[in-house]
Amino acid sequence: MNVIRAGRTAVGSTNASFARAAATRTLFTFIGSSSFSSLSSVALAAPVELPRPSPAASVFEKIGTARLTVTYSRPAVKGREIWGALVPYGQVWRLGANDATTLEISEDAKVAGKDLKAGAYALFAIPSKDSWTIVVNSQAKQWGAYFRDPKKDVFSFEVKPSAGPHQEWLEYRLHPESARVVRVEMAWEKLRISFPVEVDVNGSVWKNLDAARASAGPKEYTDFYQSARFARETGERKAEAMGWLDEAMKRGDSFWMDDLKGDLLADEGKYAEAAPYLEKAIEGSKKAGAPEEWRDGARKKLAEWAAKGKSKT
């Protein structure tokens, strides 16, 4: 029973890493004075989790197909002087509490204009009154800034703090600025800092589509259809769209593909050739269970094509 009490006391300490180490040392002491079979039942008992004054939190946002996640702990102001006092100027800070704040991105990105490979990273700051240095470190899992290895820093960049309304509990916010840029903002007390994270959304999608088509089996058509659809939506590689769609239609059948075939032909002004494909798509959509609203829109598009076709003659 002494082992269990010692383990729980350690886990209740501020530093969870030190707590685990203390509990382990106690268990090894126990090994020297008792049988291994007795230890096994004790070692399996998980310590009781105790609440932390700075609760854990995370926030995420999709940038195209990439997932951006910031994980952190939220200290409160509690009437304290924060900047230059609780958080000293000129010293490395973990940008939160407890474990180091982490930024994780599932695809290659640019952070404040600097290239960052997909993965998880620790974020640190060296604040001053007028300018902050943000440090991105490759060792994501670490306690605070106490064990940061500067050799594992990936890069750093400068940000300018700005004023804002009082924020009692430190909070990270993700603000989409465009289809490919999200701004990461930290707000605490009456101060804000922020920086952009940018992903080459279309480039990433094309890379994935190219790989998927290359590995597709002889009866798999979805990746060819999606390539044609994405080309039409973005206007990129559109010269290849019809070839991809024709390959998809050789491999499978879907009213969505008939609809897209009609659209691609209509984009070229070939309305008479496009109409039969859309008519086929309307009939196929009934069997597929598509809502009547979709067919209403398709019939309206047919009428528009007919009018444009007449105006050309």
Protein backbone atom coordinates (compact mmCIF):
# COMPACT_ATOMS: atom_id res chain seq x y z
CA MET A 1 0.00 0.00 0.00
CA ASN A 2 2.96 2.33 0.52
CA VAL A 3 3.68 2.10 -3.23
CA ILE A 4 0.20 3.25 -4.20
CA ARG A 5 0.26 6.19 -1.83
CA ALA A 6 3.68 7.32 -3.04
CA GLY A 7 2.64 7.05 -6.66
CA ARG A 8 -0.48 9.13 -6.16
CA THR A 9 1.39 11.79 -4.23
CA ALA A 10 3.87 12.15 -7.07
CA VAL A 11 1.18 12.35 -9.73
CA GLY A 12 -0.42 15.19 -7.85
CA SER A 13 2.70 17.32 -8.26
CA THR A 14 2.97 20.11 -10.80
CA ASN A 15 5.35 18.34 -13.16
CA ALA A 16 3.69 15.23 -14.56
CA SER A 17 6.97 13.95 -16.00
CA PHE A 18 8.68 14.18 -12.60
CA ALA A 19 5.63 12.50 -11.06
CA ARG A 20 5.90 9.48 -13.31
CA ALA A 21 9.62 9.24 -12.63
CA ALA A 22 9.04 9.37 -8.87
CA ALA A 23 6.41 6.66 -9.05
CA THR A 24 8.75 4.49 -11.13
CA ARG A 25 11.60 4.89 -8.63
CA THR A 26 9.25 3.86 -5.82
CA LEU A 27 8.19 0.76 -7.73
CA PHE A 28 11.81 -0.27 -8.33
CA THR A 29 12.44 0.11 -4.59
CA PHE A 30 9.48 -2.17 -4.03
CA ILE A 31 11.01 -4.77 -6.37
CA GLY A 32 14.03 -5.06 -4.13
CA SER A 33 11.95 -5.90 -1.06
CA SER A 34 9.04 -7.97 -2.35
CA SER A 35 8.12 -10.60 -4.91
CA PHE A 36 7.55 -9.80 -8.59
CA SER A 37 4.06 -11.32 -8.48
CA SER A 38 3.03 -8.87 -5.76
CA LEU A 39 4.41 -5.96 -7.78
CA SER A 40 2.47 -6.88 -10.92
CA SER A 41 -0.93 -6.25 -9.39
CA VAL A 42 0.20 -2.90 -7.98
CA ALA A 43 1.87 -1.73 -11.18
CA LEU A 44 -1.33 -2.24 -13.18
CA ALA A 45 -3.27 0.19 -10.98
CA ALA A 46 -3.57 3.55 -12.81
CA PRO A 47 -3.09 6.67 -10.68
CA VAL A 48 -6.13 8.87 -10.12
CA GLU A 49 -6.17 11.90 -12.41
CA LEU A 50 -6.18 15.20 -10.58
CA PRO A 51 -7.50 18.45 -12.10
CA ARG A 52 -5.00 21.04 -13.28
CA PRO A 53 -5.36 24.77 -12.63
CA SER A 54 -4.72 25.37 -16.35
CA PRO A 55 -7.08 23.02 -18.25
CA ALA A 56 -6.06 21.36 -21.51
CA ALA A 57 -7.67 22.49 -24.77
CA SER A 58 -7.31 22.13 -28.52
CA VAL A 59 -8.71 23.82 -31.62
CA PHE A 60 -8.59 22.68 -35.24
CA GLU A 61 -9.47 23.94 -38.70
CA LYS A 62 -9.32 22.39 -42.17
CA ILE A 63 -7.27 24.23 -44.80
CA GLY A 64 -8.48 22.54 -47.94
CA THR A 65 -7.82 18.88 -47.14
CA ALA A 66 -5.16 19.62 -44.50
CA ARG A 67 -6.03 19.54 -40.79
CA LEU A 68 -4.42 22.21 -38.59
CA THR A 69 -4.56 21.59 -34.82
CA VAL A 70 -3.26 23.67 -31.91
CA THR A 71 -3.12 21.88 -28.54
CA TYR A 72 -2.39 23.84 -25.38
CA SER A 73 -3.26 24.47 -21.73
CA ARG A 74 -5.17 27.55 -20.58
CA PRO A 75 -3.81 29.55 -17.63
CA ALA A 76 -5.98 32.28 -16.11
CA VAL A 77 -4.96 35.84 -15.33
CA LYS A 78 -6.31 35.74 -11.74
CA GLY A 79 -5.53 39.41 -11.23
CA ARG A 80 -1.81 38.89 -11.82
CA GLU A 81 0.54 41.07 -13.84
CA ILE A 82 1.32 38.91 -16.89
CA TRP A 83 3.66 40.51 -19.40
CA GLY A 84 7.15 41.23 -18.13
CA ALA A 85 6.23 39.65 -14.78
CA LEU A 86 4.57 36.21 -14.72
CA VAL A 87 5.79 35.83 -18.32
CA PRO A 88 9.22 37.52 -18.24
CA TYR A 89 10.53 39.42 -21.22
CA GLY A 90 13.55 37.96 -22.97
CA GLN A 91 12.96 34.39 -21.75
CA VAL A 92 11.58 31.36 -23.58
CA TRP A 93 7.89 30.73 -22.81
CA ARG A 94 5.74 27.72 -23.72
CA LEU A 95 2.87 29.87 -25.08
CA GLY A 96 0.49 28.39 -22.53
CA ALA A 97 0.85 26.20 -19.45
CA ASN A 98 1.86 22.63 -18.55
CA ASP A 99 3.10 20.80 -21.68
CA ALA A 100 4.50 22.85 -24.52
CA THR A 101 1.88 24.21 -26.89
CA THR A 102 1.88 22.20 -30.11
CA LEU A 103 0.97 22.94 -33.71
CA GLU A 104 0.17 19.95 -35.92
CA ILE A 105 -0.45 20.09 -39.66
CA SER A 106 -1.34 17.03 -41.74
CA GLU A 107 0.16 18.36 -44.99
CA ASP A 108 3.21 20.46 -45.89
CA ALA A 109 2.56 24.13 -45.21
CA LYS A 110 4.07 27.59 -44.81
CA VAL A 111 4.07 29.15 -41.33
CA ALA A 112 4.66 32.89 -41.45
CA GLY A 113 6.02 32.32 -44.96
CA LYS A 114 8.49 29.60 -43.92
CA ASP A 115 8.24 26.02 -45.21
CA LEU A 116 7.12 23.43 -42.67
CA LYS A 117 6.81 19.71 -43.34
CA ALA A 118 3.66 17.90 -42.26
CA GLY A 119 3.91 16.81 -38.62
CA ALA A 120 3.61 17.96 -35.00
CA TYR A 121 5.79 20.69 -33.49
CA ALA A 122 6.24 22.52 -30.20
CA LEU A 123 5.68 26.27 -30.20
CA PHE A 124 7.64 28.64 -27.98
CA ALA A 125 7.88 32.40 -27.69
CA ILE A 126 10.52 34.86 -26.55
CA PRO A 127 8.38 37.91 -25.74
CA SER A 128 9.44 41.50 -25.41
CA LYS A 129 7.40 44.63 -25.04
CA ASP A 130 7.29 45.53 -28.73
CA SER A 131 8.17 42.34 -30.61
CA TRP A 132 7.97 38.58 -30.05
CA THR A 133 10.06 35.78 -31.48
CA ILE A 134 8.05 32.61 -32.19
CA VAL A 135 10.10 29.41 -32.25
CA VAL A 136 9.00 26.18 -33.98
CA ASN A 137 10.70 23.13 -32.44
CA SER A 138 10.63 19.60 -33.88
CA GLN A 139 10.19 17.91 -30.46
CA ALA A 140 6.43 18.19 -30.04
CA LYS A 141 6.05 16.34 -26.73
CA GLN A 142 7.91 18.07 -23.93
CA TRP A 143 7.13 19.65 -20.58
CA GLY A 144 7.02 23.40 -20.83
CA ALA A 145 10.16 25.12 -22.13
CA TYR A 146 12.46 23.64 -19.51
CA PHE A 147 13.97 20.94 -21.71
CA ARG A 148 13.84 22.67 -25.10
CA ASP A 149 16.82 21.77 -27.25
CA PRO A 150 17.69 24.74 -29.52
CA LYS A 151 19.34 22.25 -31.93
CA LYS A 152 15.83 20.94 -32.65
CA ASP A 153 14.46 24.37 -33.56
CA VAL A 154 13.15 24.28 -37.14
CA PHE A 155 12.94 28.05 -37.55
CA SER A 156 11.79 31.23 -35.82
CA PHE A 157 9.98 34.39 -36.90
CA GLU A 158 8.93 37.73 -35.49
CA VAL A 159 5.40 38.89 -34.65
CA LYS A 160 4.09 42.18 -33.29
CA PRO A 161 1.80 42.01 -30.26
CA SER A 162 -1.41 44.02 -30.35
CA ALA A 163 -3.97 45.11 -27.77
CA GLY A 164 -7.42 43.60 -27.32
CA PRO A 165 -10.22 43.26 -24.79
CA HIS A 166 -9.50 41.40 -21.57
CA GLN A 167 -9.23 37.63 -22.02
CA GLU A 168 -9.20 35.89 -18.62
CA TRP A 169 -8.31 32.39 -19.83
CA LEU A 170 -5.61 32.06 -22.50
CA GLU A 171 -7.21 31.05 -25.79
CA TYR A 172 -6.09 30.09 -29.29
CA ARG A 173 -8.34 30.95 -32.22
CA LEU A 174 -8.11 29.93 -35.87
CA HIS A 175 -9.39 32.50 -38.36
CA PRO A 176 -9.77 31.49 -42.04
CA GLU A 177 -8.49 34.29 -44.28
CA SER A 178 -8.88 32.49 -47.61
CA ALA A 179 -9.33 28.99 -49.00
CA ARG A 180 -5.62 28.33 -48.35
CA VAL A 181 -4.72 30.54 -45.34
CA VAL A 182 -5.71 30.32 -41.67
CA ARG A 183 -4.44 32.81 -39.10
CA VAL A 184 -3.49 31.39 -35.70
CA GLU A 185 -4.19 33.85 -32.89
CA MET A 186 -3.30 33.66 -29.21
CA ALA A 187 -5.29 35.92 -26.85
CA TRP A 188 -4.54 36.37 -23.15
CA GLU A 189 -5.02 39.26 -20.76
CA LYS A 190 -5.14 42.31 -23.03
CA LEU A 191 -2.62 41.10 -25.59
CA ARG A 192 -2.90 39.32 -28.95
CA ILE A 193 -0.33 37.74 -31.25
CA SER A 194 -1.02 35.98 -34.54
CA PHE A 195 0.63 34.39 -37.57
CA PRO A 196 -0.58 32.81 -40.84
CA VAL A 197 -0.49 29.14 -41.84
CA GLU A 198 -0.77 28.56 -45.60
CA VAL A 199 -1.29 25.33 -47.51
CA ASP A 200 -0.97 24.84 -51.27
CA VAL A 201 -4.44 23.31 -51.35
CA ASN A 202 -4.70 22.65 -55.08
CA GLY A 203 -1.13 21.39 -55.32
CA SER A 204 -1.77 18.94 -52.50
CA VAL A 205 -5.01 17.71 -54.06
CA TRP A 206 -3.37 17.21 -57.46
CA LYS A 207 -0.53 15.27 -55.86
CA ASN A 208 -3.02 12.96 -54.17
CA LEU A 209 -5.18 12.57 -57.28
CA ASP A 210 -2.18 11.78 -59.48
CA ALA A 211 -1.04 9.10 -57.03
CA ALA A 212 -4.56 7.67 -56.73
CA ARG A 213 -5.03 7.37 -60.49
CA ALA A 214 -1.62 5.75 -60.88
CA SER A 215 -2.50 3.06 -58.34
CA ALA A 216 -6.16 2.56 -59.35
CA GLY A 217 -7.29 -0.93 -60.23
CA PRO A 218 -8.81 -1.70 -63.65
CA LYS A 219 -12.38 -1.26 -62.40
CA GLU A 220 -11.80 1.76 -60.16
CA TYR A 221 -13.15 4.97 -61.69
CA THR A 222 -13.72 7.40 -58.82
CA ASP A 223 -10.26 9.00 -58.92
CA PHE A 224 -10.54 9.64 -62.67
CA TYR A 225 -13.96 11.25 -62.21
CA GLN A 226 -12.71 13.36 -59.28
CA SER A 227 -9.70 14.51 -61.33
CA ALA A 228 -11.96 15.69 -64.15
CA ARG A 229 -14.32 17.37 -61.70
CA PHE A 230 -11.51 19.14 -59.84
CA ALA A 231 -10.01 20.33 -63.14
CA ARG A 232 -13.33 21.91 -64.11
CA GLU A 233 -13.86 23.47 -60.67
CA THR A 234 -10.38 25.02 -60.51
CA GLY A 235 -9.68 25.61 -64.20
CA GLU A 236 -6.33 23.86 -63.71
CA ARG A 237 -5.25 21.06 -66.06
CA LYS A 238 -8.63 21.37 -67.79
CA ALA A 239 -7.20 20.09 -71.07
CA GLU A 240 -6.83 16.71 -69.34
CA ALA A 241 -10.33 16.66 -67.86
CA MET A 242 -12.18 15.05 -70.77
CA GLY A 243 -9.62 12.25 -71.06
CA TRP A 244 -9.90 11.46 -67.36
CA LEU A 245 -13.68 11.47 -67.52
CA ASP A 246 -13.78 9.23 -70.58
CA GLU A 247 -11.52 6.77 -68.76
CA ALA A 248 -13.82 6.87 -65.73
CA MET A 249 -16.87 6.20 -67.93
CA LYS A 250 -15.12 3.16 -69.46
CA ARG A 251 -14.62 1.74 -65.98
CA GLY A 252 -17.98 2.50 -64.36
CA ASP A 253 -21.34 4.19 -64.60
CA SER A 254 -22.82 7.08 -62.62
CA PHE A 255 -25.28 9.86 -63.37
CA TRP A 256 -22.72 12.24 -61.86
CA MET A 257 -20.31 11.34 -64.67
CA ASP A 258 -22.99 11.90 -67.33
CA ASP A 259 -23.73 15.27 -65.77
CA LEU A 260 -20.04 16.25 -65.79
CA LYS A 261 -19.63 15.08 -69.40
CA GLY A 262 -22.45 17.39 -70.40
CA ASP A 263 -20.89 20.29 -68.49
CA LEU A 264 -17.49 19.81 -70.11
CA LEU A 265 -19.04 19.75 -73.59
CA ALA A 266 -21.17 22.80 -72.79
CA ASP A 267 -18.05 24.63 -71.59
CA GLU A 268 -16.74 24.17 -75.14
CA GLY A 269 -19.99 25.53 -76.59
CA LYS A 270 -21.08 22.06 -77.80
CA TYR A 271 -24.61 22.34 -76.41
CA ALA A 272 -26.22 19.88 -78.84
CA GLU A 273 -23.68 17.21 -77.86
CA ALA A 274 -23.99 18.05 -74.16
CA ALA A 275 -27.79 17.75 -73.89
CA PRO A 276 -28.10 13.93 -74.33
CA TYR A 277 -25.63 13.36 -71.48
CA LEU A 278 -27.59 15.60 -69.13
CA GLU A 279 -30.85 13.95 -70.16
CA LYS A 280 -29.29 10.57 -69.35
CA ALA A 281 -28.10 11.95 -66.02
CA ILE A 282 -31.65 13.08 -65.16
CA GLU A 283 -33.01 9.58 -65.79
CA GLY A 284 -30.15 7.94 -63.92
CA SER A 285 -30.63 10.21 -60.94
CA LYS A 286 -34.13 8.77 -60.40
CA LYS A 287 -32.73 5.26 -59.96
CA ALA A 288 -29.97 6.59 -57.72
CA GLY A 289 -32.49 8.30 -55.42
CA ALA A 290 -31.34 11.87 -56.01
CA PRO A 291 -33.84 14.52 -54.83
CA GLU A 292 -36.25 16.14 -57.26
CA GLU A 293 -34.57 19.47 -56.60
CA TRP A 294 -31.47 18.21 -58.41
CA ARG A 295 -33.53 17.26 -61.47
CA ASP A 296 -35.28 20.63 -61.42
CA GLY A 297 -31.89 22.32 -61.61
CA ALA A 298 -30.74 19.97 -64.38
CA ARG A 299 -33.87 20.69 -66.46
CA LYS A 300 -33.28 24.42 -66.02
CA LYS A 301 -29.69 23.94 -67.22
CA LEU A 302 -30.98 22.03 -70.26
CA ALA A 303 -33.27 24.92 -71.16
CA GLU A 304 -30.36 27.37 -70.84
CA TRP A 305 -28.22 25.22 -73.13
CA ALA A 306 -31.02 25.04 -75.69
CA ALA A 307 -31.33 28.84 -75.67
CA LYS A 308 -27.57 29.30 -76.05
CA GLY A 309 -27.51 26.74 -78.86
CA LYS A 310 -30.18 28.64 -80.78
CA SER A 311 -28.38 31.93 -80.35
CA LYS A 312 -25.29 30.44 -82.00
CA THR A 313 -27.17 29.45 -85.15
